[in-house]
Amino acid sequence: MLGVNGWEIVLVALIAVFLLGPDRMPEYAAKLARGIRKLRVMAEGAKGQLKDQLGPEYEDINWRQYDPRQYDPRRIVKEALLEPIDDAISPVRDEIGSVRSAGSLKGAAAGAAAGAATAATASGASEPAVYISKAPSPTEWDPSRPTPYDVDAT
């Protein structure tokens, strides 16, 4: 009970007897009993309200999994470190693959549009040619580009 053993409870009770004295002790004991009863009534009311709101799903809840005493941070970290890395990064890898495939489809469509514009110009059409320049991605390193300078960061 909150990390308090039997001797500590006896010690607190003795201190209470000396501080309160025999005259006020029954009054405070009755107040403590009323407070505990109110707390129990509130807990039962909350449990009943939860049962009403959840309905039949209330019986399916595994209350042991919500017990904070079962969580050992050392065990959780150890399991996380021993977990295979591929399982942890596979969702990210799948998302990167879908972004890459979408980018390659977009690039192929842009290349087809540029080829069509060049063919139209060569055939003598009056449509202006569409020039699509391939800008380097922010992650590509280009030695001819100057290094970005952030005034606020310095």
N, C-alpha and C. Protein backbone atom coordinates (compact mmCIF):
# COMPACT_ATOMS: atom_id res chain seq x y z
N MET A 1 0.85 -1.18 0.00
CA MET A 1 0.00 0.00 0.00
C MET A 1 0.89 1.23 0.00
N LEU A 2 1.17 1.79 -1.16
CA LEU A 2 1.95 3.00 -1.33
C LEU A 2 3.35 2.90 -0.74
N GLY A 3 3.89 1.70 -0.63
CA GLY A 3 5.24 1.52 -0.13
C GLY A 3 5.36 1.73 1.37
N VAL A 4 4.24 1.63 2.10
CA VAL A 4 4.25 1.82 3.55
C VAL A 4 4.09 0.45 4.19
N ASN A 5 5.02 0.09 5.10
CA ASN A 5 4.90 -1.20 5.76
C ASN A 5 4.18 -1.05 7.09
N GLY A 6 4.03 -2.14 7.80
CA GLY A 6 3.25 -2.15 9.04
C GLY A 6 3.83 -1.28 10.13
N TRP A 7 5.15 -1.27 10.29
CA TRP A 7 5.76 -0.46 11.34
C TRP A 7 5.58 1.02 11.07
N GLU A 8 5.62 1.41 9.83
CA GLU A 8 5.42 2.84 9.51
C GLU A 8 3.99 3.27 9.83
N ILE A 9 3.02 2.40 9.59
CA ILE A 9 1.62 2.72 9.92
C ILE A 9 1.47 2.87 11.43
N VAL A 10 2.07 1.97 12.20
CA VAL A 10 2.01 2.06 13.66
C VAL A 10 2.65 3.35 14.13
N LEU A 11 3.78 3.72 13.55
CA LEU A 11 4.47 4.95 13.94
C LEU A 11 3.62 6.18 13.64
N VAL A 12 2.99 6.22 12.47
CA VAL A 12 2.12 7.35 12.12
C VAL A 12 0.92 7.41 13.06
N ALA A 13 0.36 6.25 13.42
CA ALA A 13 -0.78 6.23 14.34
C ALA A 13 -0.37 6.76 15.71
N LEU A 14 0.79 6.38 16.19
CA LEU A 14 1.26 6.87 17.49
C LEU A 14 1.50 8.38 17.47
N ILE A 15 2.09 8.87 16.40
CA ILE A 15 2.30 10.31 16.27
C ILE A 15 0.97 11.05 16.24
N ALA A 16 -0.02 10.47 15.54
CA ALA A 16 -1.35 11.09 15.49
C ALA A 16 -1.98 11.13 16.87
N VAL A 17 -1.83 10.07 17.65
CA VAL A 17 -2.40 10.03 19.01
C VAL A 17 -1.76 11.12 19.87
N PHE A 18 -0.46 11.28 19.78
CA PHE A 18 0.22 12.29 20.59
C PHE A 18 -0.12 13.71 20.14
N LEU A 19 -0.22 13.93 18.82
CA LEU A 19 -0.51 15.28 18.34
C LEU A 19 -1.96 15.68 18.56
N LEU A 20 -2.89 14.77 18.29
CA LEU A 20 -4.31 15.10 18.39
C LEU A 20 -4.82 14.99 19.82
N GLY A 21 -4.27 14.08 20.54
CA GLY A 21 -4.73 13.88 21.92
C GLY A 21 -5.97 13.00 21.96
N PRO A 22 -6.29 12.52 23.14
CA PRO A 22 -7.42 11.60 23.27
C PRO A 22 -8.79 12.28 23.05
N ASP A 23 -8.86 13.61 23.18
CA ASP A 23 -10.14 14.29 23.02
C ASP A 23 -10.56 14.38 21.55
N ARG A 24 -9.63 14.73 20.67
CA ARG A 24 -9.96 14.93 19.25
C ARG A 24 -9.77 13.67 18.40
N MET A 25 -9.14 12.64 18.95
CA MET A 25 -8.85 11.43 18.17
C MET A 25 -10.11 10.75 17.62
N PRO A 26 -11.18 10.54 18.38
CA PRO A 26 -12.39 9.90 17.82
C PRO A 26 -13.03 10.71 16.69
N GLU A 27 -12.98 12.03 16.81
CA GLU A 27 -13.55 12.89 15.78
C GLU A 27 -12.80 12.73 14.45
N TYR A 28 -11.47 12.72 14.50
CA TYR A 28 -10.68 12.58 13.29
C TYR A 28 -10.73 11.16 12.72
N ALA A 29 -10.87 10.17 13.58
CA ALA A 29 -11.03 8.79 13.11
C ALA A 29 -12.35 8.65 12.35
N ALA A 30 -13.41 9.30 12.83
CA ALA A 30 -14.70 9.26 12.14
C ALA A 30 -14.60 9.99 10.81
N LYS A 31 -13.90 11.11 10.77
CA LYS A 31 -13.71 11.83 9.50
C LYS A 31 -12.94 10.99 8.50
N LEU A 32 -11.92 10.29 8.98
CA LEU A 32 -11.15 9.41 8.09
C LEU A 32 -12.03 8.29 7.54
N ALA A 33 -12.86 7.70 8.40
CA ALA A 33 -13.75 6.63 7.95
C ALA A 33 -14.75 7.15 6.91
N ARG A 34 -15.33 8.34 7.14
CA ARG A 34 -16.25 8.92 6.15
C ARG A 34 -15.54 9.20 4.83
N GLY A 35 -14.32 9.70 4.88
CA GLY A 35 -13.57 9.97 3.66
C GLY A 35 -13.29 8.70 2.87
N ILE A 36 -12.92 7.64 3.57
CA ILE A 36 -12.67 6.36 2.89
C ILE A 36 -13.95 5.84 2.27
N ARG A 37 -15.09 5.94 2.98
CA ARG A 37 -16.37 5.50 2.42
C ARG A 37 -16.73 6.29 1.17
N LYS A 38 -16.54 7.62 1.20
CA LYS A 38 -16.83 8.45 0.03
C LYS A 38 -15.95 8.05 -1.15
N LEU A 39 -14.69 7.78 -0.87
CA LEU A 39 -13.77 7.36 -1.92
C LEU A 39 -14.21 6.03 -2.54
N ARG A 40 -14.64 5.08 -1.73
CA ARG A 40 -15.13 3.80 -2.25
C ARG A 40 -16.40 3.99 -3.09
N VAL A 41 -17.31 4.83 -2.62
CA VAL A 41 -18.54 5.09 -3.37
C VAL A 41 -18.22 5.73 -4.72
N MET A 42 -17.27 6.67 -4.73
CA MET A 42 -16.88 7.31 -5.99
C MET A 42 -16.25 6.30 -6.94
N ALA A 43 -15.41 5.41 -6.42
CA ALA A 43 -14.77 4.40 -7.26
C ALA A 43 -15.80 3.43 -7.84
N GLU A 44 -16.75 3.01 -7.02
CA GLU A 44 -17.80 2.10 -7.52
C GLU A 44 -18.68 2.81 -8.55
N GLY A 45 -18.96 4.10 -8.33
CA GLY A 45 -19.75 4.86 -9.30
C GLY A 45 -19.03 4.99 -10.63
N ALA A 46 -17.73 5.23 -10.58
CA ALA A 46 -16.95 5.32 -11.81
C ALA A 46 -16.92 3.99 -12.54
N LYS A 47 -16.78 2.89 -11.77
CA LYS A 47 -16.77 1.57 -12.38
C LYS A 47 -18.13 1.26 -13.03
N GLY A 48 -19.21 1.61 -12.33
CA GLY A 48 -20.55 1.39 -12.89
C GLY A 48 -20.79 2.23 -14.14
N GLN A 49 -20.34 3.47 -14.13
CA GLN A 49 -20.49 4.34 -15.30
C GLN A 49 -19.69 3.79 -16.48
N LEU A 50 -18.52 3.29 -16.22
CA LEU A 50 -17.70 2.71 -17.28
C LEU A 50 -18.37 1.46 -17.86
N LYS A 51 -18.97 0.64 -16.97
CA LYS A 51 -19.69 -0.56 -17.44
C LYS A 51 -20.87 -0.16 -18.33
N ASP A 52 -21.60 0.87 -17.92
CA ASP A 52 -22.75 1.32 -18.71
C ASP A 52 -22.33 1.85 -20.07
N GLN A 53 -21.26 2.61 -20.11
CA GLN A 53 -20.82 3.22 -21.36
C GLN A 53 -20.20 2.21 -22.31
N LEU A 54 -19.47 1.24 -21.79
CA LEU A 54 -18.82 0.26 -22.66
C LEU A 54 -19.73 -0.90 -23.04
N GLY A 55 -20.73 -1.17 -22.21
CA GLY A 55 -21.66 -2.26 -22.51
C GLY A 55 -20.98 -3.62 -22.39
N PRO A 56 -21.28 -4.53 -23.32
CA PRO A 56 -20.73 -5.88 -23.21
C PRO A 56 -19.22 -5.94 -23.45
N GLU A 57 -18.65 -4.91 -24.03
CA GLU A 57 -17.20 -4.89 -24.27
C GLU A 57 -16.41 -4.76 -22.97
N TYR A 58 -17.08 -4.35 -21.90
CA TYR A 58 -16.42 -4.18 -20.61
C TYR A 58 -15.86 -5.51 -20.11
N GLU A 59 -16.57 -6.59 -20.36
CA GLU A 59 -16.13 -7.90 -19.89
C GLU A 59 -14.89 -8.38 -20.63
N ASP A 60 -14.65 -7.89 -21.85
CA ASP A 60 -13.52 -8.33 -22.66
C ASP A 60 -12.22 -7.60 -22.33
N ILE A 61 -12.27 -6.58 -21.48
CA ILE A 61 -11.09 -5.78 -21.19
C ILE A 61 -10.14 -6.57 -20.28
N ASN A 62 -8.88 -6.62 -20.66
CA ASN A 62 -7.85 -7.25 -19.84
C ASN A 62 -7.24 -6.15 -18.96
N TRP A 63 -7.69 -6.06 -17.72
CA TRP A 63 -7.25 -4.99 -16.84
C TRP A 63 -5.81 -5.17 -16.39
N ARG A 64 -5.27 -6.37 -16.46
CA ARG A 64 -3.88 -6.61 -16.05
C ARG A 64 -2.89 -5.89 -16.96
N GLN A 65 -3.25 -5.70 -18.22
CA GLN A 65 -2.31 -5.05 -19.13
C GLN A 65 -2.14 -3.57 -18.82
N TYR A 66 -3.05 -2.99 -18.04
CA TYR A 66 -2.95 -1.58 -17.67
C TYR A 66 -2.30 -1.37 -16.30
N ASP A 67 -1.84 -2.44 -15.68
CA ASP A 67 -1.21 -2.36 -14.37
C ASP A 67 0.20 -1.79 -14.52
N PRO A 68 0.49 -0.62 -13.96
CA PRO A 68 1.80 -0.01 -14.16
C PRO A 68 2.94 -0.79 -13.51
N ARG A 69 2.64 -1.69 -12.59
CA ARG A 69 3.70 -2.45 -11.93
C ARG A 69 4.34 -3.46 -12.86
N GLN A 70 3.67 -3.81 -13.95
CA GLN A 70 4.23 -4.81 -14.86
C GLN A 70 5.24 -4.22 -15.84
N TYR A 71 5.31 -2.91 -15.94
CA TYR A 71 6.21 -2.28 -16.89
C TYR A 71 7.59 -2.06 -16.25
N ASP A 72 8.57 -2.76 -16.76
CA ASP A 72 9.94 -2.62 -16.30
C ASP A 72 10.72 -1.93 -17.42
N PRO A 73 11.17 -0.70 -17.20
CA PRO A 73 11.85 0.03 -18.27
C PRO A 73 13.06 -0.72 -18.82
N ARG A 74 13.78 -1.44 -17.96
CA ARG A 74 14.95 -2.18 -18.43
C ARG A 74 14.53 -3.27 -19.41
N ARG A 75 13.43 -3.96 -19.12
CA ARG A 75 12.96 -5.02 -20.01
C ARG A 75 12.48 -4.45 -21.33
N ILE A 76 11.79 -3.32 -21.29
CA ILE A 76 11.28 -2.69 -22.52
C ILE A 76 12.43 -2.26 -23.42
N VAL A 77 13.47 -1.66 -22.83
CA VAL A 77 14.63 -1.22 -23.62
C VAL A 77 15.36 -2.43 -24.18
N LYS A 78 15.51 -3.46 -23.37
CA LYS A 78 16.21 -4.66 -23.83
C LYS A 78 15.49 -5.30 -25.00
N GLU A 79 14.16 -5.41 -24.91
CA GLU A 79 13.37 -5.99 -26.01
C GLU A 79 13.48 -5.12 -27.27
N ALA A 80 13.49 -3.81 -27.08
CA ALA A 80 13.60 -2.91 -28.24
C ALA A 80 14.96 -3.05 -28.91
N LEU A 81 16.01 -3.23 -28.11
CA LEU A 81 17.34 -3.37 -28.68
C LEU A 81 17.54 -4.72 -29.36
N LEU A 82 16.88 -5.74 -28.87
CA LEU A 82 17.03 -7.07 -29.45
C LEU A 82 16.10 -7.30 -30.64
N GLU A 83 15.13 -6.42 -30.82
CA GLU A 83 14.19 -6.56 -31.93
C GLU A 83 14.94 -6.39 -33.25
N PRO A 84 14.65 -7.23 -34.23
CA PRO A 84 15.34 -7.09 -35.52
C PRO A 84 15.08 -5.72 -36.13
N ILE A 85 16.12 -5.12 -36.68
CA ILE A 85 16.03 -3.77 -37.23
C ILE A 85 15.14 -3.73 -38.46
N ASP A 86 15.12 -4.83 -39.23
CA ASP A 86 14.30 -4.84 -40.44
C ASP A 86 12.82 -4.71 -40.13
N ASP A 87 12.37 -5.32 -39.02
CA ASP A 87 10.97 -5.20 -38.65
C ASP A 87 10.62 -3.76 -38.27
N ALA A 88 11.56 -3.07 -37.66
CA ALA A 88 11.30 -1.71 -37.20
C ALA A 88 11.28 -0.71 -38.35
N ILE A 89 12.13 -0.92 -39.37
CA ILE A 89 12.20 0.08 -40.44
C ILE A 89 11.44 -0.31 -41.69
N SER A 90 10.79 -1.46 -41.71
CA SER A 90 10.08 -1.87 -42.92
C SER A 90 8.95 -0.91 -43.29
N PRO A 91 8.16 -0.36 -42.34
CA PRO A 91 7.14 0.61 -42.75
C PRO A 91 7.74 1.85 -43.42
N VAL A 92 8.86 2.32 -42.90
CA VAL A 92 9.50 3.50 -43.48
C VAL A 92 10.05 3.16 -44.86
N ARG A 93 10.65 1.98 -44.99
CA ARG A 93 11.20 1.56 -46.27
C ARG A 93 10.09 1.46 -47.33
N ASP A 94 8.93 0.92 -46.95
CA ASP A 94 7.81 0.83 -47.89
C ASP A 94 7.34 2.21 -48.33
N GLU A 95 7.28 3.15 -47.38
CA GLU A 95 6.83 4.50 -47.72
C GLU A 95 7.83 5.19 -48.65
N ILE A 96 9.12 5.00 -48.40
CA ILE A 96 10.14 5.59 -49.27
C ILE A 96 10.03 5.01 -50.67
N GLY A 97 9.78 3.70 -50.76
CA GLY A 97 9.63 3.07 -52.07
C GLY A 97 8.44 3.62 -52.83
N SER A 98 7.33 3.87 -52.14
CA SER A 98 6.16 4.41 -52.83
C SER A 98 6.41 5.84 -53.29
N VAL A 99 7.16 6.62 -52.49
CA VAL A 99 7.48 7.99 -52.90
C VAL A 99 8.40 7.97 -54.11
N ARG A 100 9.38 7.05 -54.11
CA ARG A 100 10.29 6.96 -55.25
C ARG A 100 9.55 6.55 -56.52
N SER A 101 8.63 5.60 -56.40
CA SER A 101 7.90 5.17 -57.59
C SER A 101 7.00 6.30 -58.10
N ALA A 102 6.42 7.06 -57.19
CA ALA A 102 5.60 8.20 -57.62
C ALA A 102 6.46 9.25 -58.31
N GLY A 103 7.67 9.46 -57.79
CA GLY A 103 8.59 10.42 -58.40
C GLY A 103 9.05 9.98 -59.77
N SER A 104 9.30 8.68 -59.93
CA SER A 104 9.74 8.20 -61.24
C SER A 104 8.60 8.28 -62.26
N LEU A 105 7.36 8.05 -61.83
CA LEU A 105 6.22 8.20 -62.73
C LEU A 105 6.06 9.65 -63.15
N LYS A 106 6.25 10.57 -62.19
CA LYS A 106 6.14 11.99 -62.49
C LYS A 106 7.25 12.42 -63.45
N GLY A 107 8.47 11.92 -63.21
CA GLY A 107 9.59 12.24 -64.08
C GLY A 107 9.39 11.70 -65.49
N ALA A 108 8.82 10.49 -65.62
CA ALA A 108 8.55 9.92 -66.93
C ALA A 108 7.49 10.72 -67.67
N ALA A 109 6.48 11.20 -66.94
CA ALA A 109 5.43 12.01 -67.57
C ALA A 109 6.00 13.35 -68.03
N ALA A 110 6.91 13.94 -67.25
CA ALA A 110 7.53 15.21 -67.62
C ALA A 110 8.42 15.02 -68.85
N GLY A 111 9.14 13.91 -68.89
CA GLY A 111 9.99 13.63 -70.04
C GLY A 111 9.17 13.42 -71.30
N ALA A 112 8.03 12.78 -71.19
CA ALA A 112 7.15 12.57 -72.34
C ALA A 112 6.59 13.90 -72.82
N ALA A 113 6.26 14.80 -71.89
CA ALA A 113 5.74 16.11 -72.27
C ALA A 113 6.81 16.93 -72.98
N ALA A 114 8.05 16.85 -72.52
CA ALA A 114 9.14 17.58 -73.16
C ALA A 114 9.40 17.02 -74.55
N GLY A 115 9.35 15.72 -74.70
CA GLY A 115 9.54 15.10 -76.02
C GLY A 115 8.45 15.48 -76.98
N ALA A 116 7.21 15.57 -76.49
CA ALA A 116 6.10 15.96 -77.34
C ALA A 116 6.25 17.42 -77.78
N ALA A 117 6.73 18.28 -76.88
CA ALA A 117 6.91 19.69 -77.22
C ALA A 117 8.01 19.85 -78.26
N THR A 118 9.07 19.08 -78.14
CA THR A 118 10.17 19.14 -79.10
C THR A 118 9.71 18.64 -80.46
N ALA A 119 8.91 17.58 -80.49
CA ALA A 119 8.40 17.04 -81.75
C ALA A 119 7.45 18.03 -82.40
N ALA A 120 6.65 18.74 -81.59
CA ALA A 120 5.73 19.71 -82.16
C ALA A 120 6.49 20.88 -82.77
N THR A 121 7.58 21.31 -82.14
CA THR A 121 8.39 22.41 -82.66
C THR A 121 9.08 21.97 -83.95
N ALA A 122 9.55 20.75 -83.98
CA ALA A 122 10.24 20.26 -85.18
C ALA A 122 9.28 20.12 -86.34
N SER A 123 8.01 19.87 -86.09
CA SER A 123 7.05 19.69 -87.17
C SER A 123 6.55 21.03 -87.69
N GLY A 124 6.99 22.14 -87.07
CA GLY A 124 6.61 23.46 -87.57
C GLY A 124 5.39 24.02 -86.87
N ALA A 125 4.97 23.48 -85.78
CA ALA A 125 3.81 24.01 -85.06
C ALA A 125 4.19 25.33 -84.41
N SER A 126 3.19 26.18 -84.20
CA SER A 126 3.46 27.49 -83.63
C SER A 126 3.50 27.48 -82.11
N GLU A 127 3.33 26.32 -81.49
CA GLU A 127 3.35 26.21 -80.03
C GLU A 127 4.78 26.42 -79.54
N PRO A 128 4.99 27.20 -78.49
CA PRO A 128 6.34 27.35 -77.95
C PRO A 128 6.78 26.05 -77.28
N ALA A 129 8.06 25.81 -77.32
CA ALA A 129 8.60 24.60 -76.72
C ALA A 129 8.62 24.74 -75.21
N VAL A 130 8.34 23.65 -74.53
CA VAL A 130 8.35 23.63 -73.07
C VAL A 130 9.69 23.05 -72.63
N TYR A 131 10.43 23.84 -71.88
CA TYR A 131 11.73 23.39 -71.40
C TYR A 131 11.59 23.01 -69.93
N ILE A 132 11.93 21.81 -69.63
CA ILE A 132 11.88 21.34 -68.25
C ILE A 132 13.31 21.08 -67.82
N SER A 133 13.74 21.86 -66.84
CA SER A 133 15.11 21.67 -66.35
C SER A 133 15.05 20.78 -65.12
N LYS A 134 15.99 19.89 -65.03
CA LYS A 134 16.04 19.00 -63.89
C LYS A 134 16.84 19.69 -62.80
N ALA A 135 16.13 20.16 -61.78
CA ALA A 135 16.79 20.81 -60.65
C ALA A 135 17.30 19.72 -59.71
N PRO A 136 18.46 19.92 -59.15
CA PRO A 136 18.98 18.89 -58.24
C PRO A 136 18.12 18.84 -56.97
N SER A 137 17.99 17.65 -56.44
CA SER A 137 17.21 17.52 -55.21
C SER A 137 18.02 18.10 -54.06
N PRO A 138 17.36 18.48 -52.98
CA PRO A 138 18.07 19.09 -51.85
C PRO A 138 19.09 18.15 -51.22
N THR A 139 18.94 16.84 -51.42
CA THR A 139 19.88 15.91 -50.80
C THR A 139 21.09 15.63 -51.68
N GLU A 140 21.05 16.03 -52.96
CA GLU A 140 22.20 15.82 -53.83
C GLU A 140 23.24 16.90 -53.57
N TRP A 141 24.51 16.50 -53.62
CA TRP A 141 25.59 17.45 -53.41
C TRP A 141 26.13 17.88 -54.76
N ASP A 142 26.14 19.17 -54.97
CA ASP A 142 26.63 19.72 -56.22
C ASP A 142 27.74 20.71 -55.88
N PRO A 143 28.99 20.40 -56.26
CA PRO A 143 30.09 21.30 -55.88
C PRO A 143 30.01 22.66 -56.55
N SER A 144 29.28 22.79 -57.64
CA SER A 144 29.19 24.10 -58.31
C SER A 144 28.18 25.01 -57.64
N ARG A 145 27.27 24.44 -56.86
CA ARG A 145 26.29 25.26 -56.13
C ARG A 145 26.90 25.82 -54.87
N PRO A 146 26.62 27.08 -54.53
CA PRO A 146 27.17 27.62 -53.28
C PRO A 146 26.46 26.99 -52.07
N THR A 147 27.18 26.95 -50.99
CA THR A 147 26.62 26.41 -49.76
C THR A 147 25.60 27.40 -49.23
N PRO A 148 24.42 26.93 -48.82
CA PRO A 148 23.42 27.87 -48.28
C PRO A 148 23.92 28.49 -46.98
N TYR A 149 23.66 29.77 -46.83
CA TYR A 149 24.11 30.50 -45.64
C TYR A 149 22.87 31.01 -44.92
N ASP A 150 22.75 30.65 -43.67
CA ASP A 150 21.61 31.07 -42.87
C ASP A 150 22.06 32.15 -41.90
N VAL A 151 21.61 33.36 -42.10
CA VAL A 151 22.03 34.50 -41.27
C VAL A 151 21.52 34.33 -39.86
N ASP A 152 20.30 33.80 -39.70
CA ASP A 152 19.72 33.66 -38.38
C ASP A 152 20.43 32.59 -37.55
N ALA A 153 21.07 31.62 -38.20
CA ALA A 153 21.71 30.53 -37.46
C ALA A 153 23.09 30.92 -36.94
N THR A 154 23.65 32.01 -37.44
CA THR A 154 25.00 32.38 -37.02
C THR A 154 25.00 33.49 -36.02
